[in-house]
């Protein structure tokens, strides 16, 4: 059995000890708005009537936000001086 996006998201949440508020703030770092009710639907069991599948875009935005949360924003790149 392969892991679904929901499984990966749940495992990351547990591994980093994240609460719903933390996840909302992490997603906001990449300008991705998510509500606590959306998170609740994603973290439900698959047989629950209000279960929602976590899409690729949702997981990608969360992972990008998590990188910024853990490492900080990327520093601005400096242009190399041209040799004259």
N, C-alpha and C. Protein backbone atom coordinates (compact mmCIF):
# COMPACT_ATOMS: atom_id res chain seq x y z
N UNK A 1 0.83 -1.18 0.00
CA UNK A 1 0.00 0.00 0.00
C UNK A 1 0.88 1.25 0.00
N UNK A 2 0.58 2.13 -0.91
CA UNK A 2 1.32 3.39 -1.00
C UNK A 2 0.72 4.42 -0.04
N UNK A 3 1.54 5.35 0.36
CA UNK A 3 1.05 6.43 1.22
C UNK A 3 0.31 7.46 0.38
N UNK A 4 -0.78 7.96 0.91
CA UNK A 4 -1.51 9.03 0.25
C UNK A 4 -0.98 10.38 0.75
N UNK A 5 -1.39 11.45 0.09
CA UNK A 5 -1.00 12.78 0.56
C UNK A 5 -1.51 13.02 1.97
N UNK A 6 -2.71 12.50 2.28
CA UNK A 6 -3.26 12.66 3.62
C UNK A 6 -2.37 11.97 4.65
N UNK A 7 -1.88 10.77 4.32
CA UNK A 7 -1.00 10.05 5.24
C UNK A 7 0.30 10.82 5.48
N UNK A 8 0.87 11.36 4.41
CA UNK A 8 2.12 12.11 4.52
C UNK A 8 1.91 13.36 5.38
N UNK A 9 0.79 14.04 5.12
CA UNK A 9 0.47 15.26 5.88
C UNK A 9 0.30 14.94 7.36
N UNK A 10 -0.40 13.85 7.68
CA UNK A 10 -0.61 13.45 9.07
C UNK A 10 0.72 13.12 9.75
N UNK A 11 1.58 12.41 9.03
CA UNK A 11 2.86 12.02 9.62
C UNK A 11 3.76 13.23 9.88
N UNK A 12 3.73 14.20 8.96
CA UNK A 12 4.51 15.43 9.17
C UNK A 12 3.96 16.22 10.35
N UNK A 13 2.66 16.25 10.46
CA UNK A 13 2.02 16.96 11.57
C UNK A 13 2.45 16.37 12.91
N UNK A 14 2.46 15.05 13.01
CA UNK A 14 2.85 14.39 14.25
C UNK A 14 4.35 14.55 14.50
N UNK A 15 5.16 14.36 13.46
CA UNK A 15 6.61 14.42 13.61
C UNK A 15 7.08 15.80 14.08
N UNK A 16 6.42 16.84 13.60
CA UNK A 16 6.82 18.21 13.97
C UNK A 16 5.97 18.79 15.09
N UNK A 17 5.08 17.96 15.64
CA UNK A 17 4.21 18.36 16.75
C UNK A 17 3.46 19.65 16.43
N UNK A 18 2.81 19.67 15.28
CA UNK A 18 2.11 20.86 14.82
C UNK A 18 0.63 20.79 15.20
N UNK A 19 0.10 21.91 15.61
CA UNK A 19 -1.33 22.04 15.88
C UNK A 19 -1.97 22.72 14.66
N UNK A 20 -3.29 22.75 14.62
CA UNK A 20 -3.98 23.36 13.49
C UNK A 20 -3.57 24.83 13.31
N UNK A 21 -3.44 25.55 14.41
CA UNK A 21 -3.01 26.95 14.33
C UNK A 21 -1.64 27.08 13.67
N UNK A 22 -0.74 26.17 14.03
CA UNK A 22 0.61 26.20 13.46
C UNK A 22 0.56 25.95 11.95
N UNK A 23 -0.26 25.02 11.53
CA UNK A 23 -0.36 24.69 10.11
C UNK A 23 -0.95 25.87 9.33
N UNK A 24 -1.94 26.53 9.90
CA UNK A 24 -2.52 27.71 9.25
C UNK A 24 -1.46 28.79 9.08
N UNK A 25 -0.63 29.01 10.10
CA UNK A 25 0.43 30.02 10.02
C UNK A 25 1.51 29.62 9.01
N UNK A 26 1.84 28.33 8.96
CA UNK A 26 2.85 27.85 8.02
C UNK A 26 2.37 28.04 6.59
N UNK A 27 1.11 27.74 6.34
CA UNK A 27 0.56 27.93 4.99
C UNK A 27 0.50 29.41 4.62
N UNK A 28 0.29 30.26 5.60
CA UNK A 28 0.24 31.70 5.35
C UNK A 28 1.61 32.24 4.92
N UNK A 29 2.68 31.56 5.28
CA UNK A 29 4.02 31.98 4.89
C UNK A 29 4.21 31.97 3.38
N UNK A 30 3.45 31.13 2.69
CA UNK A 30 3.53 31.05 1.23
C UNK A 30 2.25 31.59 0.59
N UNK A 31 1.53 32.42 1.33
CA UNK A 31 0.29 33.05 0.85
C UNK A 31 -0.75 32.02 0.42
N UNK A 32 -0.85 30.94 1.18
CA UNK A 32 -1.84 29.90 0.93
C UNK A 32 -2.80 29.89 2.11
N UNK A 33 -4.03 30.27 1.85
CA UNK A 33 -5.01 30.37 2.93
C UNK A 33 -5.70 29.03 3.14
N UNK A 34 -5.76 28.62 4.39
CA UNK A 34 -6.42 27.37 4.77
C UNK A 34 -7.12 27.60 6.10
N UNK A 35 -8.25 26.94 6.28
CA UNK A 35 -9.01 27.09 7.52
C UNK A 35 -8.85 25.84 8.37
N UNK A 36 -9.18 26.00 9.65
CA UNK A 36 -9.11 24.86 10.56
C UNK A 36 -10.11 23.77 10.16
N UNK A 37 -11.26 24.16 9.63
CA UNK A 37 -12.25 23.16 9.22
C UNK A 37 -11.76 22.36 8.02
N UNK A 38 -11.02 23.00 7.11
CA UNK A 38 -10.43 22.26 5.99
C UNK A 38 -9.40 21.25 6.50
N UNK A 39 -8.62 21.67 7.48
CA UNK A 39 -7.63 20.76 8.05
C UNK A 39 -8.31 19.59 8.74
N UNK A 40 -9.40 19.88 9.46
CA UNK A 40 -10.13 18.81 10.14
C UNK A 40 -10.65 17.78 9.15
N UNK A 41 -11.10 18.22 7.99
CA UNK A 41 -11.61 17.30 6.98
C UNK A 41 -10.47 16.45 6.40
N UNK A 42 -9.30 17.03 6.26
CA UNK A 42 -8.16 16.29 5.72
C UNK A 42 -7.65 15.25 6.71
N UNK A 43 -7.69 15.57 8.00
CA UNK A 43 -7.15 14.66 9.01
C UNK A 43 -8.15 13.60 9.48
N UNK A 44 -9.34 13.57 8.91
CA UNK A 44 -10.32 12.54 9.29
C UNK A 44 -9.94 11.19 8.69
N UNK A 45 -10.60 10.15 9.18
CA UNK A 45 -10.40 8.82 8.59
C UNK A 45 -11.09 8.76 7.24
N UNK A 46 -10.59 7.89 6.37
CA UNK A 46 -11.12 7.81 5.00
C UNK A 46 -12.59 7.42 4.94
N UNK A 47 -13.07 6.67 5.91
CA UNK A 47 -14.46 6.22 5.86
C UNK A 47 -15.44 7.24 6.46
N UNK A 48 -14.93 8.36 6.96
CA UNK A 48 -15.79 9.39 7.53
C UNK A 48 -16.50 10.14 6.39
N UNK A 49 -17.77 10.49 6.57
CA UNK A 49 -18.52 11.16 5.50
C UNK A 49 -17.97 12.54 5.11
N UNK A 50 -17.29 13.23 6.02
CA UNK A 50 -16.75 14.56 5.71
C UNK A 50 -15.25 14.54 5.38
N UNK A 51 -14.72 13.36 5.09
CA UNK A 51 -13.31 13.20 4.72
C UNK A 51 -13.05 13.92 3.39
N UNK A 52 -11.91 14.62 3.31
CA UNK A 52 -11.51 15.29 2.08
C UNK A 52 -10.09 14.82 1.73
N UNK A 53 -9.88 14.52 0.47
CA UNK A 53 -8.57 14.09 0.03
C UNK A 53 -7.64 15.30 -0.08
N UNK A 54 -6.43 15.14 0.39
CA UNK A 54 -5.43 16.21 0.33
C UNK A 54 -4.82 16.20 -1.07
N UNK A 55 -4.98 17.30 -1.77
CA UNK A 55 -4.46 17.40 -3.13
C UNK A 55 -2.97 17.68 -3.17
N UNK A 56 -2.40 17.50 -4.35
CA UNK A 56 -0.97 17.75 -4.53
C UNK A 56 -0.61 19.20 -4.25
N UNK A 57 -1.44 20.13 -4.73
CA UNK A 57 -1.16 21.55 -4.54
C UNK A 57 -1.18 21.92 -3.06
N UNK A 58 -2.14 21.37 -2.33
CA UNK A 58 -2.25 21.64 -0.89
C UNK A 58 -0.99 21.18 -0.18
N UNK A 59 -0.57 19.94 -0.44
CA UNK A 59 0.61 19.39 0.22
C UNK A 59 1.87 20.15 -0.21
N UNK A 60 1.98 20.52 -1.48
CA UNK A 60 3.14 21.26 -1.97
C UNK A 60 3.25 22.61 -1.26
N UNK A 61 2.14 23.32 -1.15
CA UNK A 61 2.17 24.62 -0.46
C UNK A 61 2.53 24.47 1.01
N UNK A 62 2.01 23.43 1.66
CA UNK A 62 2.36 23.20 3.06
C UNK A 62 3.85 22.91 3.19
N UNK A 63 4.40 22.08 2.30
CA UNK A 63 5.82 21.74 2.38
C UNK A 63 6.70 22.96 2.14
N UNK A 64 6.32 23.80 1.18
CA UNK A 64 7.08 25.03 0.94
C UNK A 64 7.03 25.94 2.17
N UNK A 65 5.88 26.05 2.80
CA UNK A 65 5.76 26.84 4.01
C UNK A 65 6.55 26.24 5.16
N UNK A 66 6.57 24.92 5.25
CA UNK A 66 7.31 24.24 6.31
C UNK A 66 8.81 24.50 6.18
N UNK A 67 9.31 24.53 4.96
CA UNK A 67 10.72 24.84 4.73
C UNK A 67 11.05 26.24 5.25
N UNK A 68 10.18 27.19 4.93
CA UNK A 68 10.41 28.57 5.40
C UNK A 68 10.30 28.62 6.93
N UNK A 69 9.35 27.89 7.48
CA UNK A 69 9.15 27.87 8.94
C UNK A 69 10.39 27.31 9.65
N UNK A 70 10.97 26.27 9.09
CA UNK A 70 12.10 25.61 9.75
C UNK A 70 13.44 26.28 9.45
N UNK A 71 13.64 26.75 8.23
CA UNK A 71 14.93 27.31 7.83
C UNK A 71 14.96 28.83 7.81
N UNK A 72 13.81 29.45 7.66
CA UNK A 72 13.76 30.89 7.47
C UNK A 72 13.68 31.19 5.98
N UNK A 73 13.37 32.41 5.65
CA UNK A 73 13.25 32.77 4.22
C UNK A 73 14.59 32.69 3.52
N UNK A 74 14.54 32.43 2.22
CA UNK A 74 15.77 32.35 1.44
C UNK A 74 16.40 33.73 1.33
N UNK A 75 17.71 33.81 1.51
CA UNK A 75 18.37 35.11 1.35
C UNK A 75 18.36 35.53 -0.11
N UNK A 76 18.37 36.82 -0.34
CA UNK A 76 18.38 37.35 -1.71
C UNK A 76 19.71 36.98 -2.37
N UNK A 77 19.63 36.59 -3.64
CA UNK A 77 20.84 36.25 -4.37
C UNK A 77 21.57 37.52 -4.80
N UNK A 78 22.87 37.50 -4.70
CA UNK A 78 23.68 38.64 -5.10
C UNK A 78 24.19 38.40 -6.51
N UNK A 79 24.15 39.45 -7.32
CA UNK A 79 24.68 39.35 -8.68
C UNK A 79 26.20 39.30 -8.63
N UNK A 80 26.77 38.48 -9.52
CA UNK A 80 28.21 38.40 -9.61
C UNK A 80 28.73 39.63 -10.36
N UNK A 81 29.82 40.22 -9.86
CA UNK A 81 30.38 41.37 -10.59
C UNK A 81 30.99 40.90 -11.91
N UNK A 82 30.85 41.71 -12.94
CA UNK A 82 31.40 41.38 -14.24
C UNK A 82 32.88 41.77 -14.29
N UNK A 83 33.67 40.92 -14.90
CA UNK A 83 35.10 41.23 -15.05
C UNK A 83 35.26 42.14 -16.24
N UNK A 84 36.02 43.22 -16.07
CA UNK A 84 36.23 44.17 -17.18
C UNK A 84 37.60 44.02 -17.76
